Protein backbone atom coordinates (compact mmCIF):
# COMPACT_ATOMS: atom_id res chain seq x y z
CA UNK A 1 -23.63 -13.11 77.30
CA UNK A 2 -22.14 -10.15 75.24
CA UNK A 3 -19.59 -12.21 74.29
CA UNK A 4 -21.78 -14.83 73.15
CA UNK A 5 -23.79 -12.54 71.15
CA UNK A 6 -20.65 -10.62 69.55
CA UNK A 7 -19.76 -14.23 68.59
CA UNK A 8 -23.10 -14.94 67.03
CA UNK A 9 -22.96 -11.64 65.09
CA UNK A 10 -19.57 -12.64 63.92
CA UNK A 11 -20.64 -15.95 62.61
CA UNK A 12 -23.84 -14.53 60.89
CA UNK A 13 -21.64 -11.60 59.38
CA UNK A 14 -18.97 -14.24 57.90
CA UNK A 15 -21.21 -16.83 56.86
CA UNK A 16 -24.21 -14.68 55.33
CA UNK A 17 -23.35 -11.09 54.81
CA UNK A 18 -19.90 -11.10 53.69
CA UNK A 19 -20.73 -13.62 50.64
CA UNK A 20 -23.69 -11.46 49.48
CA UNK A 21 -21.56 -8.19 49.51
CA UNK A 22 -19.23 -10.19 47.38
CA UNK A 23 -21.34 -11.72 45.02
CA UNK A 24 -23.28 -8.39 44.26
CA UNK A 25 -19.72 -6.52 43.74
CA UNK A 26 -19.22 -8.97 41.35
CA UNK A 27 -22.11 -8.37 39.46
CA UNK A 28 -20.75 -4.69 38.42
CA UNK A 29 -17.77 -6.33 36.06
CA UNK A 30 -19.59 -7.87 33.30
CA UNK A 31 -20.59 -4.70 31.24
CA UNK A 32 -16.81 -3.78 30.96
CA UNK A 33 -15.90 -7.48 29.84
CA UNK A 34 -18.46 -7.49 27.15
CA UNK A 35 -17.12 -4.11 25.82
CA UNK A 36 -13.59 -5.51 25.74
CA UNK A 37 -14.83 -8.88 23.92
CA UNK A 38 -16.60 -6.85 21.51
CA UNK A 39 -13.31 -4.51 20.47
CA UNK A 40 -11.37 -7.90 20.52
CA UNK A 41 -13.86 -9.32 17.77
CA UNK A 42 -12.85 -6.54 15.22
CA UNK A 43 -10.20 -7.43 12.94
CA UNK A 44 -7.07 -5.41 13.60
CA UNK A 45 -4.05 -4.87 11.96
CA UNK A 46 -0.44 -4.08 13.44
CA UNK A 47 1.17 -0.91 11.91
CA UNK A 48 5.13 -0.23 12.37
CA UNK A 49 5.27 3.41 12.45
CA UNK A 50 8.64 4.35 11.24
CA UNK A 51 8.90 7.76 12.92
CA UNK A 52 8.18 6.74 16.23
CA UNK A 53 9.73 3.43 15.77
CA UNK A 54 6.87 1.82 17.59
CA UNK A 55 4.03 -0.66 16.55
CA UNK A 56 0.31 0.60 16.70
CA UNK A 57 -2.60 -1.78 16.67
CA UNK A 58 -5.33 -0.57 14.54
CA UNK A 59 -8.94 -1.39 13.77
CA UNK A 60 -8.65 -2.72 10.05
CA UNK A 61 -11.15 -0.58 8.74
CA UNK A 62 -9.79 2.51 10.27
CA UNK A 63 -6.40 1.44 8.75
CA UNK A 64 -7.75 1.12 5.27
CA UNK A 65 -9.33 4.64 5.59
CA UNK A 66 -5.66 6.24 6.37
CA UNK A 67 -4.31 4.37 3.33
CA UNK A 68 -7.20 5.29 1.15
CA UNK A 69 -6.84 9.05 2.19
CA UNK A 70 -2.78 8.50 1.63
CA UNK A 71 -2.24 6.52 -1.65
CA UNK A 72 -5.01 8.20 -3.73
CA UNK A 73 -6.36 11.73 -4.00
CA UNK A 74 -9.63 12.07 -2.30
CA UNK A 75 -11.31 14.11 -5.20
CA UNK A 76 -11.13 10.91 -7.41
CA UNK A 77 -14.38 9.34 -8.37
CA UNK A 78 -16.19 7.22 -5.67
CA UNK A 79 -15.71 3.87 -7.48
CA UNK A 80 -11.89 4.48 -8.13
CA UNK A 81 -11.48 5.47 -4.52
CA UNK A 82 -13.86 1.83 -3.86
CA UNK A 83 -11.44 0.14 -5.71
CA UNK A 84 -8.44 1.58 -3.70
CA UNK A 85 -9.96 0.68 -0.76
CA UNK A 86 -10.65 -2.84 -1.35
CA UNK A 87 -6.84 -3.16 -2.67
CA UNK A 88 -5.57 -1.35 0.40
CA UNK A 89 -7.37 -3.94 2.66
CA UNK A 90 -6.63 -7.05 0.49
CA UNK A 91 -3.36 -5.86 1.04
CA UNK A 92 -3.06 -5.88 4.67
CA UNK A 93 -4.78 -9.05 5.13
CA UNK A 94 -2.59 -10.60 2.63
CA UNK A 95 0.33 -9.61 4.63
CA UNK A 96 -1.27 -10.71 7.87
CA UNK A 97 -2.28 -13.88 6.37
CA UNK A 98 1.42 -14.58 5.03
CA UNK A 99 3.63 -13.14 8.05
CA UNK A 100 1.27 -14.37 10.84
CA UNK A 101 2.37 -13.49 14.37
CA UNK A 102 5.90 -12.88 13.53
CA UNK A 103 5.03 -10.16 11.21
CA UNK A 104 7.19 -8.79 8.13
CA UNK A 105 10.84 -9.34 8.08
CA UNK A 106 11.52 -5.99 7.31
CA UNK A 107 9.64 -4.70 10.85
CA UNK A 108 9.07 -7.82 13.24
CA UNK A 109 6.08 -7.77 15.11
CA UNK A 110 3.91 -6.04 12.73
CA UNK A 111 2.50 -7.15 9.34
CA UNK A 112 2.53 -3.60 7.61
CA UNK A 113 4.45 -0.26 7.94
CA UNK A 114 3.06 2.98 7.37
CA UNK A 115 5.28 4.07 4.22
CA UNK A 116 5.88 3.01 0.62
CA UNK A 117 7.58 -0.28 1.61
CA UNK A 118 4.20 -1.59 2.52
CA UNK A 119 1.39 1.21 1.62
CA UNK A 120 1.39 4.66 3.12
CA UNK A 121 -1.26 4.93 6.09
CA UNK A 122 -1.71 8.14 8.09
CA UNK A 123 -4.27 9.14 10.79
CA UNK A 124 -6.93 11.45 10.80
CA UNK A 125 -4.75 13.88 12.79
CA UNK A 126 -1.69 13.54 10.77
CA UNK A 127 -4.00 14.40 7.17
CA UNK A 128 -5.32 17.22 8.98
CA UNK A 129 -1.78 18.72 9.47
CA UNK A 130 -1.02 17.82 6.13
CA UNK A 131 -3.77 19.33 4.44
CA UNK A 132 -6.00 21.29 6.35
CA UNK A 133 -9.12 21.61 8.51
CA UNK A 134 -11.34 22.00 5.40
CA UNK A 135 -9.66 19.14 3.83
CA UNK A 136 -11.17 16.98 6.90
CA UNK A 137 -14.53 18.61 6.31
CA UNK A 138 -14.89 18.33 2.65
CA UNK A 139 -13.29 14.82 2.07
CA UNK A 140 -12.88 12.86 5.09
CA UNK A 141 -16.72 11.92 5.17
CA UNK A 142 -16.10 10.53 1.53
CA UNK A 143 -13.25 8.59 2.51
CA UNK A 144 -15.30 6.99 5.19
CA UNK A 145 -18.01 6.64 3.00
CA UNK A 146 -16.30 4.57 0.29
CA UNK A 147 -14.45 2.24 3.34
CA UNK A 148 -17.74 1.72 4.98
CA UNK A 149 -19.60 0.66 1.48
CA UNK A 150 -17.03 -1.82 0.70
CA UNK A 151 -16.19 -3.15 4.39
CA UNK A 152 -14.70 -6.56 4.73
CA UNK A 153 -14.52 -6.53 0.61
CA UNK A 154 -11.05 -8.34 -0.45
CA UNK A 155 -9.76 -9.64 -3.98
CA UNK A 156 -9.24 -13.29 -4.39
CA UNK A 157 -7.82 -15.55 -7.02
CA UNK A 158 -8.93 -19.03 -6.97
CA UNK A 159 -10.00 -18.85 -2.98
CA UNK A 160 -6.69 -17.09 -1.96
CA UNK A 161 -6.28 -13.56 -0.84
CA UNK A 162 -4.04 -11.86 -3.53
CA UNK A 163 -1.29 -9.32 -3.41
CA UNK A 164 -2.50 -6.45 -5.06
CA UNK A 165 0.04 -4.34 -6.19
CA UNK A 166 -0.94 -1.03 -7.44
CA UNK A 167 0.83 2.05 -8.97
CA UNK A 168 0.00 5.76 -10.12
CA UNK A 169 0.31 5.84 -13.81
CA UNK A 170 1.34 3.25 -16.10
CA UNK A 171 1.81 5.11 -18.97
CA UNK A 172 -0.88 3.28 -21.32
CA UNK A 173 -0.02 -0.20 -20.53
CA UNK A 174 0.41 -2.34 -17.28
CA UNK A 175 3.31 -5.01 -16.69
CA UNK A 176 3.39 -8.70 -16.14
CA UNK A 177 4.76 -9.18 -12.42
CA UNK A 178 7.83 -11.32 -13.45
CA UNK A 179 8.99 -8.53 -15.75
CA UNK A 180 9.44 -6.35 -12.92
CA UNK A 181 9.69 -8.42 -9.57
CA UNK A 182 11.11 -11.92 -11.01
CA UNK A 183 7.98 -13.76 -9.34
CA UNK A 184 4.91 -14.54 -11.62
CA UNK A 185 1.55 -14.05 -10.51
CA UNK A 186 -1.33 -15.17 -12.90
CA UNK A 187 -3.54 -12.27 -11.74
CA UNK A 188 -0.72 -9.77 -12.48
CA UNK A 189 -1.00 -9.55 -16.04
CA UNK A 190 -0.25 -6.70 -18.64
CA UNK A 191 -3.25 -4.88 -19.77
CA UNK A 192 -3.98 -1.81 -21.53
CA UNK A 193 -4.65 1.44 -19.40
CA UNK A 194 -6.37 3.70 -21.67
CA UNK A 195 -7.89 6.30 -19.42
CA UNK A 196 -4.99 7.76 -17.82
CA UNK A 197 -4.94 11.65 -19.86
CA UNK A 198 -5.50 13.37 -16.52
CA UNK A 199 -2.16 11.95 -14.65
CA UNK A 200 0.37 14.30 -15.32
CA UNK A 201 2.91 11.30 -15.21
CA UNK A 202 1.66 9.89 -18.48
CA UNK A 203 5.22 11.71 -20.20
CA UNK A 204 7.98 13.49 -18.23
CA UNK A 205 11.60 14.12 -18.18
CA UNK A 206 14.48 14.94 -16.57
CA UNK A 207 17.85 16.40 -17.85
CA UNK A 208 21.28 15.62 -16.20
CA UNK A 209 24.76 16.13 -17.08
CA UNK A 210 26.80 13.09 -18.73
CA UNK A 211 29.15 13.57 -15.56
CA UNK A 212 26.52 13.20 -13.13
CA UNK A 213 25.12 10.01 -15.12
CA UNK A 214 28.62 8.35 -15.43
CA UNK A 215 29.56 9.43 -11.73
CA UNK A 216 26.46 7.63 -10.32
CA UNK A 217 26.84 4.68 -12.31
CA UNK A 218 30.48 3.99 -11.57
CA UNK A 219 29.98 4.52 -7.99
CA UNK A 220 27.35 1.31 -8.22
CA UNK A 221 28.46 -0.56 -10.87
CA UNK A 222 32.10 -0.37 -10.91
CA UNK A 223 32.68 -2.63 -14.08
CA UNK A 224 30.90 -0.39 -16.58
CA UNK A 225 34.06 1.37 -17.68
CA UNK A 226 31.88 4.38 -18.77
CA UNK A 227 33.76 7.74 -19.44
CA UNK A 228 32.74 11.12 -21.56
CA UNK A 229 34.64 9.88 -24.52
CA UNK A 230 32.73 6.50 -24.77
CA UNK A 231 29.34 7.22 -23.39
CA UNK A 232 27.39 8.03 -26.78
CA UNK A 233 28.27 4.20 -28.02
CA UNK A 234 28.00 2.43 -24.69
CA UNK A 235 24.26 2.65 -24.06
CA UNK A 236 21.88 0.33 -25.88
CA UNK A 237 18.44 -0.84 -25.09
CA UNK A 238 18.21 -4.62 -25.55
CA UNK A 239 14.90 -5.62 -24.31
CA UNK A 240 11.66 -3.91 -23.00
CA UNK A 241 8.65 -5.66 -21.51
CA UNK A 242 5.43 -6.09 -22.49
CA UNK A 243 4.51 -2.74 -21.15
CA UNK A 244 7.22 -1.15 -22.53
CA UNK A 245 9.57 -0.82 -19.33
CA UNK A 246 13.48 -1.49 -20.13
CA UNK A 247 14.24 -5.39 -18.63
CA UNK A 248 17.55 -5.12 -20.32
CA UNK A 249 19.94 -2.50 -21.15
CA UNK A 250 23.94 -2.53 -22.14
CA UNK A 251 25.72 0.13 -19.95
CA UNK A 252 29.40 0.01 -20.97
CA UNK A 253 30.74 -3.52 -19.75
CA UNK A 254 27.35 -4.34 -17.91
CA UNK A 255 24.02 -5.47 -18.53
CA UNK A 256 21.46 -3.77 -16.15
CA UNK A 257 17.53 -3.22 -16.15
CA UNK A 258 15.59 -0.01 -16.44
CA UNK A 259 14.56 -0.60 -12.65
CA UNK A 260 18.35 -0.27 -12.00
CA UNK A 261 18.73 3.00 -13.84
CA UNK A 262 15.35 4.23 -12.57
CA UNK A 263 16.40 3.81 -9.01
CA UNK A 264 19.90 5.58 -9.49
CA UNK A 265 18.27 8.66 -11.29
CA UNK A 266 14.99 8.62 -9.28
CA UNK A 267 12.92 8.37 -12.52
CA UNK A 268 9.44 8.11 -12.62
CA UNK A 269 9.42 4.70 -14.44
CA UNK A 270 11.55 2.17 -15.82
CA UNK A 271 10.02 3.08 -19.27
CA UNK A 272 12.27 5.69 -20.93
CA UNK A 273 14.13 6.83 -23.86
CA UNK A 274 17.52 8.59 -23.63
CA UNK A 275 18.97 11.41 -25.69
CA UNK A 276 22.33 12.36 -25.52
CA UNK A 277 23.24 15.95 -26.83
CA UNK A 278 26.82 17.15 -25.93
CA UNK A 279 27.42 16.81 -22.14
CA UNK A 280 23.78 16.58 -21.51
CA UNK A 281 21.46 13.75 -21.16
CA UNK A 282 17.62 13.59 -21.55
CA UNK A 283 15.76 10.89 -19.78
CA UNK A 284 12.04 10.94 -21.18
CA UNK A 285 9.71 8.29 -19.20
CA UNK A 286 6.27 7.18 -19.47
CA UNK A 287 4.38 6.18 -16.12
CA UNK A 288 4.94 6.59 -12.64
CA UNK A 289 5.63 3.72 -10.59
CA UNK A 290 6.66 -0.23 -11.04
CA UNK A 291 3.55 -0.61 -13.35
CA UNK A 292 2.14 -3.71 -12.04
CA UNK A 293 -1.58 -4.09 -10.84
CA UNK A 294 -3.85 -1.24 -10.74
CA UNK A 295 -3.04 1.86 -12.15
CA UNK A 296 -4.51 4.63 -9.95
CA UNK A 297 -4.89 7.23 -12.61
CA UNK A 298 -6.20 4.58 -14.97
CA UNK A 299 -8.70 3.42 -12.37
CA UNK A 300 -10.10 6.99 -11.99
CA UNK A 301 -10.55 7.26 -15.70
CA UNK A 302 -12.53 3.95 -15.86
CA UNK A 303 -14.58 5.27 -13.07
CA UNK A 304 -15.24 8.74 -15.04
CA UNK A 305 -16.16 6.58 -17.92
CA UNK A 306 -18.86 4.76 -16.19
CA UNK A 307 -16.93 1.56 -14.66
CA UNK A 308 -17.85 0.07 -11.40
CA UNK A 309 -15.03 -0.53 -8.78
CA UNK A 310 -15.89 -4.22 -9.90
CA UNK A 311 -14.93 -3.78 -13.06
CA UNK A 312 -11.85 -1.60 -12.43
CA UNK A 313 -10.29 -4.28 -10.13
CA UNK A 314 -11.36 -7.28 -12.66
CA UNK A 315 -9.64 -5.14 -15.50
CA UNK A 316 -6.55 -4.47 -13.75
CA UNK A 317 -6.18 -8.13 -11.59
CA UNK A 318 -7.45 -10.73 -14.26
CA UNK A 319 -9.16 -13.83 -13.18
CA UNK A 320 -10.14 -12.67 -9.74
CA UNK A 321 -13.22 -12.51 -7.55
CA UNK A 322 -14.34 -9.49 -5.36
CA UNK A 323 -15.65 -11.16 -1.91
CA UNK A 324 -15.91 -10.87 1.95
CA UNK A 325 -13.08 -11.78 3.89
CA UNK A 326 -14.11 -14.54 6.18
C-alpha cells in the first residue's frame, strides 16, 4: 500500500505541481526583458576611444552632449550651442549611414572616434577632470538642456542627411568645400561670416627662422630647391579661394597648397600672408580651422545678435532643412 501511495504522490508531483512551479517561475522574467527592449530601441553610436583602443556603444543623445561640451565653449549663447548639438548629431548619423556595420575604415567597427578626426567626445567624468566640479555644476545642465531641446533634429539636403563640417573661426568668410577637400557639396558654399569679432583667432601670427622653414619644407618636398640665398624669390601666392585661403602657391620648384604649408608649420589657417625680414619669416593668418561649413565663433556672434539656431544652420549650410531623424 505504501509503495502504491508513493507512486501516486510521484505522479501528482510530476504531472501537476512541477509544471505549475515552472510556469510561475517563468512569469518573473518579463520585466527584465521589457527593460532590455527599451534600451535596444534607443539609437546608439559606436565610438572608438583612442586612449583605450576600445569601442564603446553610447546613447546617441549622451554622445551629442559630450561632443557639444568638448567642441564648443559652454559659455556660448544657447542658440549657438543648439546649432552645435544639431551639427554634432548630424555628423554621427551621417557616418552611421555612410559606413554601416563595418564602421569607418580608420577605426573599423565604430562609426566615429573620440578625437578631431571625427569630432571630439568626452564623457561627463572626463569633462570634470578637465575642468572642475564647479564647471559640471554650472555648465553641464546647460549642455543637457540644449541637447534635449533639439533631440532628434538633424540637417538634411534634399531629404538626405548632410556631412556638417564646422570649424572655430573662418576669418570673415567660409570656404567652398571643393577648394579645401576636393569634393563639391552643394550645401557647403562660401558665405560671409561677419560676427566673429569675439574670436581671438580672427588674426594671429607666428615667427620662425628661414632655416627652420627651409628644413621643414625640404624634408617633405624634396624637389623645391629652397636655400637661404633664393628663398625671397622662391615663394609666390598663385591662387586664393573665395574664402581667402591659399589654394596654389609656388615654393621653389614645386606648387603646393596653403593647406600643405599650414599642416607643415602648424598654422591656424591656410589663409595667410608671408613676410621675410632677414633670417625671420612672419606668417600672419586669418581664421582657425579648415574654414568649411559652420564657423563656431560666427554662430555665437549670430546668436548674440538675435539669430536662432535654425537661422545659424541655414546660413552656414545652404539650402538645407532641419528635421527629426526617422
